[in-house]
C-alpha atoms as a PDB file:
ATOM      1  CA  MET A   1      22.424 113.812  41.157  1.00  0.00           C
ATOM      2  CA  SER A   2      22.273 110.902  43.595  1.00  0.00           C
ATOM      3  CA  ALA A   3      23.776 111.098  47.065  1.00  0.00           C
ATOM      4  CA  ALA A   4      27.147 109.482  47.686  1.00  0.00           C
ATOM      5  CA  VAL A   5      26.957 105.962  49.072  1.00  0.00           C
ATOM      6  CA  PRO A   6      29.282 105.378  52.068  1.00  0.00           C
ATOM      7  CA  GLY A   7      32.445 103.560  51.078  1.00  0.00           C
ATOM      8  CA  THR A   8      32.188 104.329  47.373  1.00  0.00           C
ATOM      9  CA  LYS A   9      34.644 106.140  45.127  1.00  0.00           C
ATOM     10  CA  VAL A  10      32.124 108.968  44.765  1.00  0.00           C
ATOM     11  CA  GLU A  11      32.289 109.631  48.504  1.00  0.00           C
ATOM     12  CA  SER A  12      36.115 109.594  48.429  1.00  0.00           C
ATOM     13  CA  LYS A  13      36.117 112.156  45.654  1.00  0.00           C
ATOM     14  CA  SER A  14      33.633 114.304  47.571  1.00  0.00           C
ATOM     15  CA  ILE A  15      35.795 114.231  50.681  1.00  0.00           C
ATOM     16  CA  SER A  16      38.888 115.080  48.650  1.00  0.00           C
ATOM     17  CA  ALA A  17      37.097 117.978  46.975  1.00  0.00           C
ATOM     18  CA  ALA A  18      35.879 119.259  50.332  1.00  0.00           C
ATOM     19  CA  THR A  19      39.401 119.055  51.728  1.00  0.00           C
ATOM     20  CA  ASP A  20      40.838 120.967  48.799  1.00  0.00           C
ATOM     21  CA  GLN A  21      38.118 123.582  49.136  1.00  0.00           C
ATOM     22  CA  ALA A  22      38.871 124.035  52.841  1.00  0.00           C
ATOM     23  CA  ARG A  23      42.557 124.428  52.124  1.00  0.00           C
ATOM     24  CA  SER A  24      41.962 126.967  49.371  1.00  0.00           C
ATOM     25  CA  ALA A  25      39.780 128.928  51.789  1.00  0.00           C
ATOM     26  CA  GLY A  26      42.719 129.140  54.200  1.00  0.00           C
ATOM     27  CA  GLN A  27      41.206 126.840  56.823  1.00  0.00           C
ATOM     28  CA  LYS A  28      43.976 124.236  57.106  1.00  0.00           C
ATOM     29  CA  ARG A  29      45.636 124.054  60.506  1.00  0.00           C
ATOM     30  CA  PHE A  30      49.147 125.227  61.238  1.00  0.00           C
ATOM     31  CA  ALA A  31      51.403 122.515  62.691  1.00  0.00           C
ATOM     32  CA  ARG A  32      52.741 124.829  65.371  1.00  0.00           C
ATOM     33  CA  TRP A  33      49.541 126.670  66.354  1.00  0.00           C
ATOM     34  CA  ASP A  34      46.344 124.729  66.949  1.00  0.00           C
ATOM     35  CA  CYS A  35      44.051 127.380  65.487  1.00  0.00           C
ATOM     36  CA  PRO A  36      42.695 128.356  62.063  1.00  0.00           C
ATOM     37  CA  ALA A  37      44.856 130.194  59.587  1.00  0.00           C
ATOM     38  CA  PRO A  38      44.491 133.998  59.478  1.00  0.00           C
ATOM     39  CA  THR A  39      41.594 135.232  57.378  1.00  0.00           C
ATOM     40  CA  LYS A  40      41.598 139.000  57.796  1.00  0.00           C
ATOM     41  CA  THR A  41      43.423 142.001  59.236  1.00  0.00           C
ATOM     42  CA  ARG A  42      41.686 144.164  61.808  1.00  0.00           C
ATOM     43  CA  GLY A  43      43.366 147.523  61.952  1.00  0.00           C
ATOM     44  CA  GLY A  44      46.882 146.216  62.545  1.00  0.00           C
ATOM     45  CA  PRO A  45      49.958 144.911  60.759  1.00  0.00           C
ATOM     46  CA  TYR A  46      49.371 141.253  61.614  1.00  0.00           C
ATOM     47  CA  PRO A  47      46.511 139.063  60.322  1.00  0.00           C
ATOM     48  CA  ILE A  48      44.012 137.760  62.879  1.00  0.00           C
ATOM     49  CA  SER A  49      41.978 134.610  62.439  1.00  0.00           C
ATOM     50  CA  ASP A  50      38.286 134.478  63.292  1.00  0.00           C
ATOM     51  CA  SER A  51      39.302 132.690  66.489  1.00  0.00           C
ATOM     52  CA  GLY A  52      41.407 135.698  67.524  1.00  0.00           C
ATOM     53  CA  CYS A  53      44.812 134.068  67.089  1.00  0.00           C
ATOM     54  CA  ARG A  54      47.551 136.144  65.456  1.00  0.00           C
ATOM     55  CA  HIS A  55      49.999 134.570  63.017  1.00  0.00           C
ATOM     56  CA  VAL A  56      53.223 136.119  61.797  1.00  0.00           C
ATOM     57  CA  ALA A  57      54.398 134.688  58.490  1.00  0.00           C
ATOM     58  CA  MET A  58      58.092 134.702  57.588  1.00  0.00           C
ATOM     59  CA  GLY A  59      57.454 137.622  55.231  1.00  0.00           C
ATOM     60  CA  GLU A  60      56.136 139.630  58.157  1.00  0.00           C
ATOM     61  CA  LEU A  61      59.274 138.856  60.176  1.00  0.00           C
ATOM     62  CA  THR A  62      61.412 140.450  57.472  1.00  0.00           C
ATOM     63  CA  MET A  63      62.960 143.772  58.489  1.00  0.00           C
ATOM     64  CA  SER A  64      62.248 146.978  56.642  1.00  0.00           C
ATOM     65  CA  LYS A  65      65.075 148.607  54.701  1.00  0.00           C
ATOM     66  CA  ALA A  66      65.596 151.182  57.462  1.00  0.00           C
ATOM     67  CA  ASP A  67      65.556 148.552  60.219  1.00  0.00           C
ATOM     68  CA  ARG A  68      67.998 146.210  58.512  1.00  0.00           C
ATOM     69  CA  GLU A  69      70.450 149.014  57.773  1.00  0.00           C
ATOM     70  CA  SER A  70      70.201 150.300  61.352  1.00  0.00           C
ATOM     71  CA  PHE A  71      70.774 146.794  62.730  1.00  0.00           C
ATOM     72  CA  LEU A  72      73.795 146.229  60.487  1.00  0.00           C
ATOM     73  CA  GLN A  73      75.181 149.611  61.527  1.00  0.00           C
ATOM     74  CA  ASP A  74      75.207 148.580  65.198  1.00  0.00           C
ATOM     75  CA  PRO A  75      78.495 147.166  66.589  1.00  0.00           C
ATOM     76  CA  HIS A  76      77.881 143.442  66.244  1.00  0.00           C
ATOM     77  CA  VAL A  77      80.650 140.900  65.861  1.00  0.00           C
ATOM     78  CA  GLY A  78      79.841 139.497  62.429  1.00  0.00           C
ATOM     79  CA  VAL A  79      80.767 136.269  60.678  1.00  0.00           C
ATOM     80  CA  ILE A  80      82.227 136.688  57.205  1.00  0.00           C
ATOM     81  CA  SER A  81      82.037 133.790  54.769  1.00  0.00           C
ATOM     82  CA  VAL A  82      84.112 133.393  51.603  1.00  0.00           C
ATOM     83  CA  ALA A  83      84.043 130.430  49.214  1.00  0.00           C
ATOM     84  CA  ARG A  84      86.997 128.059  48.917  1.00  0.00           C
ATOM     85  CA  ASP A  85      87.542 125.984  45.788  1.00  0.00           C
ATOM     86  CA  GLY A  86      86.776 122.329  46.497  1.00  0.00           C
ATOM     87  CA  GLU A  87      86.404 122.884  50.260  1.00  0.00           C
ATOM     88  CA  ALA A  88      83.914 124.216  52.763  1.00  0.00           C
ATOM     89  CA  SER A  89      83.642 128.005  52.831  1.00  0.00           C
ATOM     90  CA  LEU A  90      85.820 129.938  55.242  1.00  0.00           C
ATOM     91  CA  ALA A  91      83.664 131.451  58.013  1.00  0.00           C
ATOM     92  CA  VAL A  92      85.267 133.540  60.773  1.00  0.00           C
ATOM     93  CA  PRO A  93      84.162 136.240  63.253  1.00  0.00           C
ATOM     94  CA  VAL A  94      85.146 139.775  62.270  1.00  0.00           C
ATOM     95  CA  TRP A  95      84.888 143.450  63.143  1.00  0.00           C
ATOM     96  CA  TYR A  96      83.356 145.725  60.544  1.00  0.00           C
ATOM     97  CA  ARG A  97      81.964 149.197  59.885  1.00  0.00           C
ATOM     98  CA  TYR A  98      78.814 150.080  57.961  1.00  0.00           C
ATOM     99  CA  GLU A  99      76.927 153.260  57.143  1.00  0.00           C
ATOM    100  CA  PRO A 100      73.419 152.991  55.601  1.00  0.00           C
ATOM    101  CA  GLY A 101      73.588 152.947  51.837  1.00  0.00           C
ATOM    102  CA  GLY A 102      77.321 152.227  51.739  1.00  0.00           C
ATOM    103  CA  ASP A 103      79.696 149.273  51.769  1.00  0.00           C
ATOM    104  CA  VAL A 104      80.540 147.017  54.681  1.00  0.00           C
ATOM    105  CA  VAL A 105      84.191 147.743  55.453  1.00  0.00           C
ATOM    106  CA  PHE A 106      86.736 145.442  57.113  1.00  0.00           C
ATOM    107  CA  SER A 107      90.439 145.563  57.884  1.00  0.00           C
ATOM    108  CA  PHE A 108      92.250 142.204  57.638  1.00  0.00           C
ATOM    109  CA  GLU A 109      95.870 141.167  57.957  1.00  0.00           C
ATOM    110  CA  ALA A 110      97.424 141.428  54.505  1.00  0.00           C
ATOM    111  CA  GLU A 111      98.610 137.795  54.408  1.00  0.00           C
ATOM    112  CA  SER A 112      95.453 136.294  55.886  1.00  0.00           C
ATOM    113  CA  GLU A 113      93.393 133.646  54.130  1.00  0.00           C
ATOM    114  CA  LYS A 114      90.441 136.051  54.103  1.00  0.00           C
ATOM    115  CA  ILE A 115      92.333 138.493  51.907  1.00  0.00           C
ATOM    116  CA  LYS A 116      93.528 135.774  49.520  1.00  0.00           C
ATOM    117  CA  LEU A 117      90.066 134.269  49.128  1.00  0.00           C
ATOM    118  CA  VAL A 118      88.376 137.632  48.527  1.00  0.00           C
ATOM    119  CA  GLN A 119      90.979 138.386  45.865  1.00  0.00           C
ATOM    120  CA  ALA A 120      90.349 134.994  44.252  1.00  0.00           C
ATOM    121  CA  THR A 121      86.540 134.966  44.337  1.00  0.00           C
ATOM    122  CA  GLY A 122      85.510 138.620  44.413  1.00  0.00           C
ATOM    123  CA  GLN A 123      82.504 137.660  46.575  1.00  0.00           C
ATOM    124  CA  ALA A 124      81.708 137.437  50.289  1.00  0.00           C
ATOM    125  CA  SER A 125      78.831 137.373  52.744  1.00  0.00           C
ATOM    126  CA  LEU A 126      78.442 138.693  56.273  1.00  0.00           C
ATOM    127  CA  CYS A 127      75.981 137.560  58.945  1.00  0.00           C
ATOM    128  CA  VAL A 128      75.277 139.523  62.129  1.00  0.00           C
ATOM    129  CA  GLN A 129      72.797 138.516  64.806  1.00  0.00           C
ATOM    130  CA  ASN A 130      71.245 139.413  68.116  1.00  0.00           C
ATOM    131  CA  GLU A 131      72.077 136.543  70.487  1.00  0.00           C
ATOM    132  CA  ALA A 132      69.517 137.584  73.099  1.00  0.00           C
ATOM    133  CA  MET A 133      65.781 137.111  72.731  1.00  0.00           C
ATOM    134  CA  PRO A 134      64.001 138.334  70.683  1.00  0.00           C
ATOM    135  CA  TYR A 135      66.410 136.949  68.116  1.00  0.00           C
ATOM    136  CA  LYS A 136      67.115 138.700  64.839  1.00  0.00           C
ATOM    137  CA  TYR A 137      69.721 138.567  62.118  1.00  0.00           C
ATOM    138  CA  VAL A 138      70.882 140.301  58.954  1.00  0.00           C
ATOM    139  CA  THR A 139      72.927 138.650  56.220  1.00  0.00           C
ATOM    140  CA  VAL A 140      74.368 140.577  53.289  1.00  0.00           C
ATOM    141  CA  GLU A 141      75.962 139.049  50.199  1.00  0.00           C
ATOM    142  CA  GLY A 142      77.702 140.635  47.255  1.00  0.00           C
ATOM    143  CA  PRO A 143      80.884 141.608  45.451  1.00  0.00           C
ATOM    144  CA  ALA A 144      83.962 142.251  47.591  1.00  0.00           C
ATOM    145  CA  VAL A 145      87.232 143.973  46.734  1.00  0.00           C
ATOM    146  CA  VAL A 146      90.588 144.323  48.494  1.00  0.00           C
ATOM    147  CA  GLY A 147      92.074 147.800  48.943  1.00  0.00           C
ATOM    148  CA  GLU A 148      95.150 149.327  50.522  1.00  0.00           C
ATOM    149  CA  THR A 149      96.133 149.839  54.160  1.00  0.00           C
ATOM    150  CA  ASP A 150      93.990 152.311  56.116  1.00  0.00           C
ATOM    151  CA  ARG A 151      95.339 153.096  59.595  1.00  0.00           C
ATOM    152  CA  GLU A 152      92.395 155.351  60.416  1.00  0.00           C
ATOM    153  CA  LEU A 153      89.986 152.503  59.691  1.00  0.00           C
ATOM    154  CA  GLU A 154      92.008 150.191  61.956  1.00  0.00           C
ATOM    155  CA  ARG A 155      91.817 152.780  64.717  1.00  0.00           C
ATOM    156  CA  SER A 156      88.077 153.365  64.303  1.00  0.00           C
ATOM    157  CA  LEU A 157      87.357 149.629  64.406  1.00  0.00           C
ATOM    158  CA  ALA A 158      89.493 149.125  67.510  1.00  0.00           C
ATOM    159  CA  HIS A 159      87.693 151.982  69.280  1.00  0.00           C
ATOM    160  CA  ARG A 160      84.276 150.768  68.065  1.00  0.00           C
ATOM    161  CA  TYR A 161      84.709 147.305  69.555  1.00  0.00           C
ATOM    162  CA  LEU A 162      87.107 147.847  72.460  1.00  0.00           C
ATOM    163  CA  GLY A 163      86.666 151.457  73.485  1.00  0.00           C
ATOM    164  CA  ALA A 164      89.308 154.185  73.157  1.00  0.00           C
ATOM    165  CA  GLU A 165      91.630 153.117  75.986  1.00  0.00           C
ATOM    166  CA  ILE A 166      91.777 149.377  75.324  1.00  0.00           C
ATOM    167  CA  GLY A 167      91.560 150.015  71.589  1.00  0.00           C
ATOM    168  CA  ASP A 168      94.755 152.081  71.659  1.00  0.00           C
ATOM    169  CA  LEU A 169      96.525 149.365  73.657  1.00  0.00           C
ATOM    170  CA  TYR A 170      95.412 146.822  71.088  1.00  0.00           C
ATOM    171  CA  LEU A 171      96.726 148.960  68.236  1.00  0.00           C
ATOM    172  CA  GLN A 172     100.083 149.257  69.982  1.00  0.00           C
ATOM    173  CA  ALA A 173     100.242 145.479  70.318  1.00  0.00           C
ATOM    174  CA  ILE A 174      99.685 144.926  66.569  1.00  0.00           C
ATOM    175  CA  GLN A 175     101.580 147.949  65.249  1.00  0.00           C
ATOM    176  CA  GLY A 176     103.971 145.739  63.262  1.00  0.00           C
ATOM    177  CA  THR A 177     101.096 144.065  61.393  1.00  0.00           C
ATOM    178  CA  VAL A 178     100.213 145.161  57.869  1.00  0.00           C
ATOM    179  CA  SER A 179      96.476 145.171  57.160  1.00  0.00           C
ATOM    180  CA  ARG A 180      94.403 145.798  54.047  1.00  0.00           C
ATOM    181  CA  VAL A 181      90.869 147.067  53.600  1.00  0.00           C
ATOM    182  CA  VAL A 182      88.096 144.839  52.245  1.00  0.00           C
ATOM    183  CA  ARG A 183      84.845 146.350  50.974  1.00  0.00           C
ATOM    184  CA  LEU A 184      81.696 144.266  50.625  1.00  0.00           C
ATOM    185  CA  THR A 185      78.874 145.845  48.608  1.00  0.00           C
ATOM    186  CA  PRO A 186      75.484 144.490  49.815  1.00  0.00           C
ATOM    187  CA  ALA A 187      73.683 143.163  46.743  1.00  0.00           C
ATOM    188  CA  ARG A 188      71.361 140.699  48.521  1.00  0.00           C
ATOM    189  CA  TRP A 189      69.862 140.936  52.006  1.00  0.00           C
ATOM    190  CA  ARG A 190      68.346 138.222  54.193  1.00  0.00           C
ATOM    191  CA  THR A 191      66.720 139.381  57.415  1.00  0.00           C
ATOM    192  CA  VAL A 192      64.546 138.072  60.241  1.00  0.00           C
ATOM    193  CA  ASP A 193      63.277 139.838  63.365  1.00  0.00           C
ATOM    194  CA  TYR A 194      61.361 137.636  65.793  1.00  0.00           C
ATOM    195  CA  ALA A 195      60.279 140.536  68.013  1.00  0.00           C
ATOM    196  CA  PRO A 196      56.748 140.730  66.508  1.00  0.00           C
ATOM    197  CA  MET A 197      56.167 137.011  67.096  1.00  0.00           C
ATOM    198  CA  VAL A 198      57.527 137.079  70.655  1.00  0.00           C
ATOM    199  CA  GLU A 199      55.474 140.176  71.511  1.00  0.00           C
ATOM    200  CA  ARG A 200      52.385 138.443  70.142  1.00  0.00           C
ATOM    201  CA  MET A 201      53.019 135.382  72.310  1.00  0.00           C
ATOM    202  CA  LEU A 202      54.124 137.052  75.516  1.00  0.00           C
ATOM    203  CA  GLY A 203      52.905 140.620  75.191  1.00  0.00           C
ATOM    204  CA  ALA A 204      55.203 143.623  74.909  1.00  0.00           C
ATOM    205  CA  SER A 205      55.095 144.355  78.657  1.00  0.00           C
ATOM    206  CA  ALA A 206      55.955 140.754  79.589  1.00  0.00           C
ATOM    207  CA  LEU A 207      58.802 140.738  77.093  1.00  0.00           C
ATOM    208  CA  SER A 208      60.316 143.908  78.552  1.00  0.00           C
ATOM    209  CA  ARG A 209      60.414 142.297  82.020  1.00  0.00           C
ATOM    210  CA  ARG A 210      62.203 139.129  80.898  1.00  0.00           C
ATOM    211  CA  ASP A 211      65.876 138.533  81.499  1.00  0.00           C
ATOM    212  CA  PRO A 212      67.447 139.109  78.042  1.00  0.00           C
ATOM    213  CA  ARG A 213      69.716 136.115  78.660  1.00  0.00           C
ATOM    214  CA  SER A 214      66.776 133.769  79.205  1.00  0.00           C
ATOM    215  CA  VAL A 215      65.544 131.254  76.654  1.00  0.00           C
ATOM    216  CA  LEU A 216      61.983 131.087  75.389  1.00  0.00           C
ATOM    217  CA  ARG A 217      60.560 127.886  76.866  1.00  0.00           C
ATOM    218  CA  PRO A 218      57.586 125.882  75.561  1.00  0.00           C
ATOM    219  CA  ALA A 219      55.694 126.669  78.784  1.00  0.00           C
ATOM    220  CA  ASP A 220      55.992 130.382  78.032  1.00  0.00           C
ATOM    221  CA  LEU A 221      53.985 129.955  74.844  1.00  0.00           C
ATOM    222  CA  GLY A 222      50.933 128.299  76.355  1.00  0.00           C
ATOM    223  CA  PRO A 223      49.157 124.998  75.528  1.00  0.00           C
ATOM    224  CA  GLY A 224      49.651 123.563  72.077  1.00  0.00           C
ATOM    225  CA  ARG A 225      52.533 125.893  71.153  1.00  0.00           C
ATOM    226  CA  SER A 226      55.559 123.908  72.249  1.00  0.00           C
END
């Protein structure tokens, strides 16, 4: 077979084939990291390229079942979203309670739009997040049902988010309000935890010394990673 002559179609095809071969071998460059794609794992959970750079794919940022349930169980202020016919979905901050393996439980004013929409659609989603670095979030989606009034649930939610003393004052202030329970059964989960990526960039010890209110700056990531 004769060698390709510069400028011919044969050379173009050869270059294209070589490019495709490099890509299939995992050698194409990442836009955000100026280093080869990961090729192997060396005794750890994250792949390491031959150049020594670690990459964390989105799949590796996904929380385990135990981690996502533990995160959702923590007292975050969540945002519930319910569809509205012909309009943008309703999305509002809410208090909630969750135990691993169970339903997400809310208590809403009986005449609120949230209650009416859940009754109409039978579906809802909830998103909770960590607003300090390293960022993480959990979103659950699934069927939702409206139940009866539960004063003990109201009390537990008030104490969970406000503490016993202020929670009791809050309950006194709303004692004339009628609330109803909403239960959301998690059928689909979406999760991300950026801690592995941040630890890879900064190191676990450096991360622990950072002000949790600070923002990750391009300069913190080193050359070529902004």
